[in-house]
Structure formats: structure tokens, C-alpha cells
Amino acid sequence: MKGTYLLQLAPIAAVFFAQGAMMLRGRARVVALALSLAAVAAAAFVFTEGILFWSAPPGVAAWVAWARQLPGSHIEEAIRWLIPTILIVR
């Protein structure tokens, strides 16, 4: 996963978030924590594999399918240039 390099910043971000939340009073703190919890839940829901989106199967077949859906993208030409032995049938 490309975001793993950001994982090292999580403890630092948590400290800054906690300090900011401590400065809020009463209802503002509750609202800020509720919004943050909702954002975490939404991100977990969206970015968890298979709940909303399925990853494309690896291989050239997936790229060929994308090339057919996006005819002006030149994906097919790139596939032929990178893998010249492949035959793409229309």
C-alpha cells in the first residue's frame, strides 16, 4: 500500500489532534470528535477492499478492458509497446 509511509506520522498526528480537542469546550468537543469518528468510519468503508469496489484482476486482460472503455486513452498502444508479443483482439 502506498500510504504505509504515512503510518509513521500517525502517533504525532494523534497527539496534535488530542491537544486540539482538549482546547475545545463542551458541545464543540463532542461535535468535533463525532465528526472525526464519522470520517474514520467513512474512510474505512470506502477504502476496505470489496465493500464498495473490487480491485481489477491483475494482468493484461484488465488493461485491455479499460482500453475498450476509454478509446482515446491510448492504453492499447501502450500495452502493445510494453508487451509486443501480445495480440489484442477487438
C-alpha atoms as a PDB file:
ATOM      1  CA  MET A   1       0.000   0.000   0.000  1.00  0.00           C
ATOM      2  CA  LYS A   2       1.333   3.401  -0.922  1.00  0.00           C
ATOM      3  CA  GLY A   3       0.126   5.059   2.273  1.00  0.00           C
ATOM      4  CA  THR A   4       2.276   2.943   4.562  1.00  0.00           C
ATOM      5  CA  TYR A   5       4.961   5.599   4.680  1.00  0.00           C
ATOM      6  CA  LEU A   6       2.430   7.909   6.350  1.00  0.00           C
ATOM      7  CA  LEU A   7       1.821   5.404   9.127  1.00  0.00           C
ATOM      8  CA  GLN A   8       4.862   6.746  10.987  1.00  0.00           C
ATOM      9  CA  LEU A   9       3.103  10.096  11.318  1.00  0.00           C
ATOM     10  CA  ALA A  10       0.003   8.621  12.990  1.00  0.00           C
ATOM     11  CA  PRO A  11       1.248   8.963  16.602  1.00  0.00           C
ATOM     12  CA  ILE A  12       2.323  12.565  16.029  1.00  0.00           C
ATOM     13  CA  ALA A  13      -0.976  13.412  14.355  1.00  0.00           C
ATOM     14  CA  ALA A  14      -2.856  11.757  17.231  1.00  0.00           C
ATOM     15  CA  VAL A  15      -1.037  13.939  19.763  1.00  0.00           C
ATOM     16  CA  PHE A  16      -1.820  17.117  17.832  1.00  0.00           C
ATOM     17  CA  PHE A  17      -5.450  16.045  17.399  1.00  0.00           C
ATOM     18  CA  ALA A  18      -5.783  15.286  21.120  1.00  0.00           C
ATOM     19  CA  GLN A  19      -4.284  18.649  22.062  1.00  0.00           C
ATOM     20  CA  GLY A  20      -6.644  20.424  19.692  1.00  0.00           C
ATOM     21  CA  ALA A  21      -9.642  18.502  21.032  1.00  0.00           C
ATOM     22  CA  MET A  22      -8.662  19.365  24.625  1.00  0.00           C
ATOM     23  CA  MET A  23      -8.811  23.073  23.740  1.00  0.00           C
ATOM     24  CA  LEU A  24     -12.454  22.756  22.698  1.00  0.00           C
ATOM     25  CA  ARG A  25     -15.140  23.021  25.327  1.00  0.00           C
ATOM     26  CA  GLY A  26     -18.404  21.214  25.882  1.00  0.00           C
ATOM     27  CA  ARG A  27     -20.542  20.646  22.843  1.00  0.00           C
ATOM     28  CA  ALA A  28     -17.825  21.744  20.362  1.00  0.00           C
ATOM     29  CA  ARG A  29     -15.553  18.923  21.572  1.00  0.00           C
ATOM     30  CA  VAL A  30     -18.341  16.360  21.245  1.00  0.00           C
ATOM     31  CA  VAL A  31     -19.183  17.564  17.729  1.00  0.00           C
ATOM     32  CA  ALA A  32     -15.512  17.530  16.664  1.00  0.00           C
ATOM     33  CA  LEU A  33     -14.991  14.003  17.992  1.00  0.00           C
ATOM     34  CA  ALA A  34     -18.236  12.787  16.394  1.00  0.00           C
ATOM     35  CA  LEU A  35     -17.257  14.251  13.018  1.00  0.00           C
ATOM     36  CA  SER A  36     -13.802  12.693  13.282  1.00  0.00           C
ATOM     37  CA  LEU A  37     -15.281   9.311  14.139  1.00  0.00           C
ATOM     38  CA  ALA A  38     -17.681   9.601  11.193  1.00  0.00           C
ATOM     39  CA  ALA A  39     -14.774  10.438   8.882  1.00  0.00           C
ATOM     40  CA  VAL A  40     -12.847   7.393  10.106  1.00  0.00           C
ATOM     41  CA  ALA A  41     -15.865   5.143   9.555  1.00  0.00           C
ATOM     42  CA  ALA A  42     -16.468   6.543   6.072  1.00  0.00           C
ATOM     43  CA  ALA A  43     -12.817   6.099   5.091  1.00  0.00           C
ATOM     44  CA  ALA A  44     -12.760   2.540   6.410  1.00  0.00           C
ATOM     45  CA  PHE A  45     -15.942   1.750   4.494  1.00  0.00           C
ATOM     46  CA  VAL A  46     -14.749   3.266   1.218  1.00  0.00           C
ATOM     47  CA  PHE A  47     -11.168   2.003   1.270  1.00  0.00           C
ATOM     48  CA  THR A  48     -11.807  -1.549   2.508  1.00  0.00           C
ATOM     49  CA  GLU A  49     -11.396  -3.909  -0.418  1.00  0.00           C
ATOM     50  CA  GLY A  50     -14.625  -5.420  -1.651  1.00  0.00           C
ATOM     51  CA  ILE A  51     -17.209  -3.399   0.255  1.00  0.00           C
ATOM     52  CA  LEU A  52     -17.834  -0.784  -2.435  1.00  0.00           C
ATOM     53  CA  PHE A  53     -15.189  -1.509  -5.050  1.00  0.00           C
ATOM     54  CA  TRP A  54     -13.386  -4.622  -6.237  1.00  0.00           C
ATOM     55  CA  SER A  55      -9.821  -4.468  -7.473  1.00  0.00           C
ATOM     56  CA  ALA A  56      -9.261  -5.245 -11.097  1.00  0.00           C
ATOM     57  CA  PRO A  57      -7.787  -8.685 -11.644  1.00  0.00           C
ATOM     58  CA  PRO A  58      -4.084  -8.492 -12.386  1.00  0.00           C
ATOM     59  CA  GLY A  59      -2.882  -8.939 -15.910  1.00  0.00           C
ATOM     60  CA  VAL A  60      -3.246  -7.619 -19.388  1.00  0.00           C
ATOM     61  CA  ALA A  61      -6.929  -8.554 -19.679  1.00  0.00           C
ATOM     62  CA  ALA A  62      -7.887  -5.836 -17.209  1.00  0.00           C
ATOM     63  CA  TRP A  63      -5.918  -3.226 -19.133  1.00  0.00           C
ATOM     64  CA  VAL A  64      -7.499  -4.324 -22.402  1.00  0.00           C
ATOM     65  CA  ALA A  65     -10.930  -3.926 -20.819  1.00  0.00           C
ATOM     66  CA  TRP A  66     -10.018  -0.394 -19.722  1.00  0.00           C
ATOM     67  CA  ALA A  67      -8.692   0.356 -23.194  1.00  0.00           C
ATOM     68  CA  ARG A  68     -12.023  -0.629 -24.710  1.00  0.00           C
ATOM     69  CA  GLN A  69     -13.935   1.563 -22.266  1.00  0.00           C
ATOM     70  CA  LEU A  70     -11.625   4.543 -22.861  1.00  0.00           C
ATOM     71  CA  PRO A  71     -10.895   4.530 -26.600  1.00  0.00           C
ATOM     72  CA  GLY A  72      -8.943   7.809 -26.627  1.00  0.00           C
ATOM     73  CA  SER A  73      -6.649   6.847 -23.765  1.00  0.00           C
ATOM     74  CA  HIS A  74      -4.038   5.032 -25.910  1.00  0.00           C
ATOM     75  CA  ILE A  75      -3.822   2.267 -23.313  1.00  0.00           C
ATOM     76  CA  GLU A  76      -3.922  -0.344 -26.046  1.00  0.00           C
ATOM     77  CA  GLU A  77      -0.944   1.243 -27.802  1.00  0.00           C
ATOM     78  CA  ALA A  78       0.982   1.339 -24.529  1.00  0.00           C
ATOM     79  CA  ILE A  79       0.257  -2.349 -23.937  1.00  0.00           C
ATOM     80  CA  ARG A  80       1.486  -3.221 -27.405  1.00  0.00           C
ATOM     81  CA  TRP A  81       4.624  -1.133 -26.884  1.00  0.00           C
ATOM     82  CA  LEU A  82       5.388  -2.627 -23.459  1.00  0.00           C
ATOM     83  CA  ILE A  83       4.475  -6.196 -24.372  1.00  0.00           C
ATOM     84  CA  PRO A  84       4.971  -6.506 -28.129  1.00  0.00           C
ATOM     85  CA  THR A  85       4.166 -10.245 -28.247  1.00  0.00           C
ATOM     86  CA  ILE A  86       0.582  -9.774 -27.072  1.00  0.00           C
ATOM     87  CA  LEU A  87      -2.263  -9.944 -29.535  1.00  0.00           C
ATOM     88  CA  ILE A  88      -5.225  -7.735 -28.712  1.00  0.00           C
ATOM     89  CA  VAL A  89      -8.353  -8.942 -30.471  1.00  0.00           C
ATOM     90  CA  ARG A  90     -11.212  -6.488 -30.983  1.00  0.00           C
END
